[in-house]
Amino acid sequence: MTERLYFDDAYLREWTARVVARGERDGRPVVALDRSAFYPEAGGQPGDQG
């Protein structure tokens, strides 16, 4: 499971993470990280992209 860094620091801009999975979605490359500061889309609020 991904450690959700945004709960501890919503303004975090740099962190170290490992790629735990990679693939494609809609023809675009995607990765899954063991730690992330990207906030997911929820409750009608747009998620982070990057």
PDB file of N, CA and C in Angstrom:
ATOM      1  N   MET A   1       0.837  -1.183   0.000  1.00  0.00           N
ATOM      2  CA  MET A   1       0.000   0.000   0.000  1.00  0.00           C
ATOM      3  C   MET A   1       0.885   1.250   0.000  1.00  0.00           C
ATOM      4  N   THR A   2       0.457   2.251  -0.716  1.00  0.00           N
ATOM      5  CA  THR A   2       1.209   3.497  -0.830  1.00  0.00           C
ATOM      6  C   THR A   2       1.097   4.327   0.447  1.00  0.00           C
ATOM      7  N   GLU A   3       2.224   4.776   0.949  1.00  0.00           N
ATOM      8  CA  GLU A   3       2.245   5.683   2.101  1.00  0.00           C
ATOM      9  C   GLU A   3       1.803   7.059   1.609  1.00  0.00           C
ATOM     10  N   ARG A   4       0.781   7.631   2.212  1.00  0.00           N
ATOM     11  CA  ARG A   4       0.197   8.900   1.772  1.00  0.00           C
ATOM     12  C   ARG A   4       0.825  10.062   2.529  1.00  0.00           C
ATOM     13  N   LEU A   5       1.812  10.673   1.929  1.00  0.00           N
ATOM     14  CA  LEU A   5       2.580  11.737   2.575  1.00  0.00           C
ATOM     15  C   LEU A   5       1.787  13.035   2.725  1.00  0.00           C
ATOM     16  N   TYR A   6       0.761  13.243   1.912  1.00  0.00           N
ATOM     17  CA  TYR A   6      -0.013  14.487   1.958  1.00  0.00           C
ATOM     18  C   TYR A   6      -0.780  14.651   3.265  1.00  0.00           C
ATOM     19  N   PHE A   7      -1.006  13.571   4.009  1.00  0.00           N
ATOM     20  CA  PHE A   7      -1.669  13.697   5.312  1.00  0.00           C
ATOM     21  C   PHE A   7      -0.777  14.419   6.323  1.00  0.00           C
ATOM     22  N   ASP A   8       0.528  14.229   6.220  1.00  0.00           N
ATOM     23  CA  ASP A   8       1.472  14.853   7.151  1.00  0.00           C
ATOM     24  C   ASP A   8       1.902  16.249   6.719  1.00  0.00           C
ATOM     25  N   ASP A   9       1.978  16.485   5.404  1.00  0.00           N
ATOM     26  CA  ASP A   9       2.445  17.785   4.900  1.00  0.00           C
ATOM     27  C   ASP A   9       1.805  18.053   3.543  1.00  0.00           C
ATOM     28  N   ALA A  10       0.749  18.847   3.518  1.00  0.00           N
ATOM     29  CA  ALA A  10       0.020  19.137   2.279  1.00  0.00           C
ATOM     30  C   ALA A  10       0.836  19.972   1.300  1.00  0.00           C
ATOM     31  N   TYR A  11       1.938  20.554   1.744  1.00  0.00           N
ATOM     32  CA  TYR A  11       2.758  21.418   0.885  1.00  0.00           C
ATOM     33  C   TYR A  11       4.071  20.758   0.470  1.00  0.00           C
ATOM     34  N   LEU A  12       4.215  19.469   0.729  1.00  0.00           N
ATOM     35  CA  LEU A  12       5.431  18.735   0.385  1.00  0.00           C
ATOM     36  C   LEU A  12       5.672  18.796  -1.122  1.00  0.00           C
ATOM     37  N   ARG A  13       6.890  19.164  -1.517  1.00  0.00           N
ATOM     38  CA  ARG A  13       7.211  19.300  -2.942  1.00  0.00           C
ATOM     39  C   ARG A  13       8.267  18.316  -3.424  1.00  0.00           C
ATOM     40  N   GLU A  14       9.044  17.752  -2.520  1.00  0.00           N
ATOM     41  CA  GLU A  14      10.070  16.773  -2.891  1.00  0.00           C
ATOM     42  C   GLU A  14      10.067  15.632  -1.889  1.00  0.00           C
ATOM     43  N   TRP A  15      10.259  14.406  -2.388  1.00  0.00           N
ATOM     44  CA  TRP A  15      10.347  13.240  -1.528  1.00  0.00           C
ATOM     45  C   TRP A  15      11.007  12.111  -2.314  1.00  0.00           C
ATOM     46  N   THR A  16      11.415  11.095  -1.610  1.00  0.00           N
ATOM     47  CA  THR A  16      12.025   9.923  -2.223  1.00  0.00           C
ATOM     48  C   THR A  16      11.016   8.788  -2.199  1.00  0.00           C
ATOM     49  N   ALA A  17      10.910   8.071  -3.326  1.00  0.00           N
ATOM     50  CA  ALA A  17       9.970   6.955  -3.418  1.00  0.00           C
ATOM     51  C   ALA A  17      10.539   5.892  -4.349  1.00  0.00           C
ATOM     52  N   ARG A  18       9.998   4.691  -4.230  1.00  0.00           N
ATOM     53  CA  ARG A  18      10.363   3.583  -5.121  1.00  0.00           C
ATOM     54  C   ARG A  18       9.193   3.269  -6.039  1.00  0.00           C
ATOM     55  N   VAL A  19       9.490   2.942  -7.283  1.00  0.00           N
ATOM     56  CA  VAL A  19       8.468   2.489  -8.224  1.00  0.00           C
ATOM     57  C   VAL A  19       8.168   1.027  -7.897  1.00  0.00           C
ATOM     58  N   VAL A  20       6.902   0.724  -7.595  1.00  0.00           N
ATOM     59  CA  VAL A  20       6.525  -0.647  -7.247  1.00  0.00           C
ATOM     60  C   VAL A  20       5.748  -1.333  -8.369  1.00  0.00           C
ATOM     61  N   ALA A  21       5.264  -0.556  -9.345  1.00  0.00           N
ATOM     62  CA  ALA A  21       4.566  -1.118 -10.508  1.00  0.00           C
ATOM     63  C   ALA A  21       4.596  -0.090 -11.629  1.00  0.00           C
ATOM     64  N   ARG A  22       4.526  -0.590 -12.852  1.00  0.00           N
ATOM     65  CA  ARG A  22       4.468   0.305 -14.007  1.00  0.00           C
ATOM     66  C   ARG A  22       3.594  -0.336 -15.068  1.00  0.00           C
ATOM     67  N   GLY A  23       3.034   0.501 -15.934  1.00  0.00           N
ATOM     68  CA  GLY A  23       2.159  -0.011 -16.978  1.00  0.00           C
ATOM     69  C   GLY A  23       1.645   1.123 -17.840  1.00  0.00           C
ATOM     70  N   GLU A  24       0.488   0.883 -18.485  1.00  0.00           N
ATOM     71  CA  GLU A  24      -0.149   1.887 -19.332  1.00  0.00           C
ATOM     72  C   GLU A  24      -1.617   2.002 -18.975  1.00  0.00           C
ATOM     73  N   ARG A  25      -2.146   3.213 -19.110  1.00  0.00           N
ATOM     74  CA  ARG A  25      -3.574   3.466 -18.950  1.00  0.00           C
ATOM     75  C   ARG A  25      -3.976   4.412 -20.066  1.00  0.00           C
ATOM     76  N   ASP A  26      -4.933   4.014 -20.865  1.00  0.00           N
ATOM     77  CA  ASP A  26      -5.380   4.815 -22.012  1.00  0.00           C
ATOM     78  C   ASP A  26      -4.208   5.176 -22.921  1.00  0.00           C
ATOM     79  N   GLY A  27      -3.267   4.248 -23.086  1.00  0.00           N
ATOM     80  CA  GLY A  27      -2.127   4.467 -23.960  1.00  0.00           C
ATOM     81  C   GLY A  27      -1.050   5.371 -23.393  1.00  0.00           C
ATOM     82  N   ARG A  28      -1.158   5.723 -22.123  1.00  0.00           N
ATOM     83  CA  ARG A  28      -0.169   6.598 -21.482  1.00  0.00           C
ATOM     84  C   ARG A  28       0.539   5.837 -20.371  1.00  0.00           C
ATOM     85  N   PRO A  29       1.838   6.094 -20.184  1.00  0.00           N
ATOM     86  CA  PRO A  29       2.568   5.383 -19.131  1.00  0.00           C
ATOM     87  C   PRO A  29       2.119   5.819 -17.732  1.00  0.00           C
ATOM     88  N   VAL A  30       2.049   4.859 -16.808  1.00  0.00           N
ATOM     89  CA  VAL A  30       1.716   5.140 -15.408  1.00  0.00           C
ATOM     90  C   VAL A  30       2.665   4.355 -14.507  1.00  0.00           C
ATOM     91  N   VAL A  31       2.883   4.864 -13.307  1.00  0.00           N
ATOM     92  CA  VAL A  31       3.682   4.163 -12.302  1.00  0.00           C
ATOM     93  C   VAL A  31       2.951   4.201 -10.969  1.00  0.00           C
ATOM     94  N   ALA A  32       3.209   3.214 -10.131  1.00  0.00           N
ATOM     95  CA  ALA A  32       2.726   3.195  -8.752  1.00  0.00           C
ATOM     96  C   ALA A  32       3.949   3.339  -7.855  1.00  0.00           C
ATOM     97  N   LEU A  33       3.857   4.231  -6.879  1.00  0.00           N
ATOM     98  CA  LEU A  33       4.966   4.506  -5.968  1.00  0.00           C
ATOM     99  C   LEU A  33       4.669   3.952  -4.582  1.00  0.00           C
ATOM    100  N   ASP A  34       5.729   3.668  -3.820  1.00  0.00           N
ATOM    101  CA  ASP A  34       5.524   3.202  -2.445  1.00  0.00           C
ATOM    102  C   ASP A  34       5.174   4.349  -1.499  1.00  0.00           C
ATOM    103  N   ARG A  35       5.487   5.597  -1.897  1.00  0.00           N
ATOM    104  CA  ARG A  35       5.167   6.797  -1.106  1.00  0.00           C
ATOM    105  C   ARG A  35       4.736   7.882  -2.085  1.00  0.00           C
ATOM    106  N   SER A  36       3.697   8.642  -1.756  1.00  0.00           N
ATOM    107  CA  SER A  36       3.245   9.679  -2.676  1.00  0.00           C
ATOM    108  C   SER A  36       2.698  10.896  -1.935  1.00  0.00           C
ATOM    109  N   ALA A  37       2.972  12.077  -2.493  1.00  0.00           N
ATOM    110  CA  ALA A  37       2.405  13.322  -1.977  1.00  0.00           C
ATOM    111  C   ALA A  37       1.308  13.833  -2.912  1.00  0.00           C
ATOM    112  N   PHE A  38       1.019  13.091  -3.996  1.00  0.00           N
ATOM    113  CA  PHE A  38      -0.052  13.477  -4.913  1.00  0.00           C
ATOM    114  C   PHE A  38      -1.399  13.140  -4.284  1.00  0.00           C
ATOM    115  N   TYR A  39      -2.275  14.132  -4.190  1.00  0.00           N
ATOM    116  CA  TYR A  39      -3.586  13.926  -3.583  1.00  0.00           C
ATOM    117  C   TYR A  39      -4.549  13.367  -4.630  1.00  0.00           C
ATOM    118  N   PRO A  40      -5.282  12.293  -4.324  1.00  0.00           N
ATOM    119  CA  PRO A  40      -6.184  11.690  -5.306  1.00  0.00           C
ATOM    120  C   PRO A  40      -7.472  12.494  -5.469  1.00  0.00           C
ATOM    121  N   GLU A  41      -8.136  12.301  -6.591  1.00  0.00           N
ATOM    122  CA  GLU A  41      -9.437  12.924  -6.826  1.00  0.00           C
ATOM    123  C   GLU A  41     -10.456  12.275  -5.897  1.00  0.00           C
ATOM    124  N   ALA A  42     -11.275  13.104  -5.228  1.00  0.00           N
ATOM    125  CA  ALA A  42     -12.285  12.573  -4.311  1.00  0.00           C
ATOM    126  C   ALA A  42     -13.330  13.636  -4.015  1.00  0.00           C
ATOM    127  N   GLY A  43     -14.564  13.215  -3.858  1.00  0.00           N
ATOM    128  CA  GLY A  43     -15.636  14.120  -3.465  1.00  0.00           C
ATOM    129  C   GLY A  43     -15.860  15.277  -4.421  1.00  0.00           C
ATOM    130  N   GLY A  44     -15.575  15.072  -5.708  1.00  0.00           N
ATOM    131  CA  GLY A  44     -15.753  16.127  -6.696  1.00  0.00           C
ATOM    132  C   GLY A  44     -14.593  17.098  -6.780  1.00  0.00           C
ATOM    133  N   GLN A  45     -13.626  16.961  -5.889  1.00  0.00           N
ATOM    134  CA  GLN A  45     -12.447  17.832  -5.910  1.00  0.00           C
ATOM    135  C   GLN A  45     -11.396  17.202  -6.815  1.00  0.00           C
ATOM    136  N   PRO A  46     -10.820  17.981  -7.757  1.00  0.00           N
ATOM    137  CA  PRO A  46      -9.825  17.397  -8.663  1.00  0.00           C
ATOM    138  C   PRO A  46      -8.570  16.966  -7.923  1.00  0.00           C
ATOM    139  N   GLY A  47      -7.972  15.886  -8.398  1.00  0.00           N
ATOM    140  CA  GLY A  47      -6.735  15.383  -7.809  1.00  0.00           C
ATOM    141  C   GLY A  47      -5.518  16.058  -8.406  1.00  0.00           C
ATOM    142  N   ASP A  48      -4.365  15.819  -7.788  1.00  0.00           N
ATOM    143  CA  ASP A  48      -3.096  16.347  -8.296  1.00  0.00           C
ATOM    144  C   ASP A  48      -2.668  15.567  -9.528  1.00  0.00           C
ATOM    145  N   GLN A  49      -1.925  16.226 -10.402  1.00  0.00           N
ATOM    146  CA  GLN A  49      -1.346  15.583 -11.577  1.00  0.00           C
ATOM    147  C   GLN A  49       0.118  15.941 -11.643  1.00  0.00           C
ATOM    148  N   GLY A  50       0.888  15.072 -12.240  1.00  0.00           N
ATOM    149  CA  GLY A  50       2.299  15.407 -12.373  1.00  0.00           C
ATOM    150  C   GLY A  50       3.117  14.257 -12.869  1.00  0.00           C
TER     151      GLY A  50
END
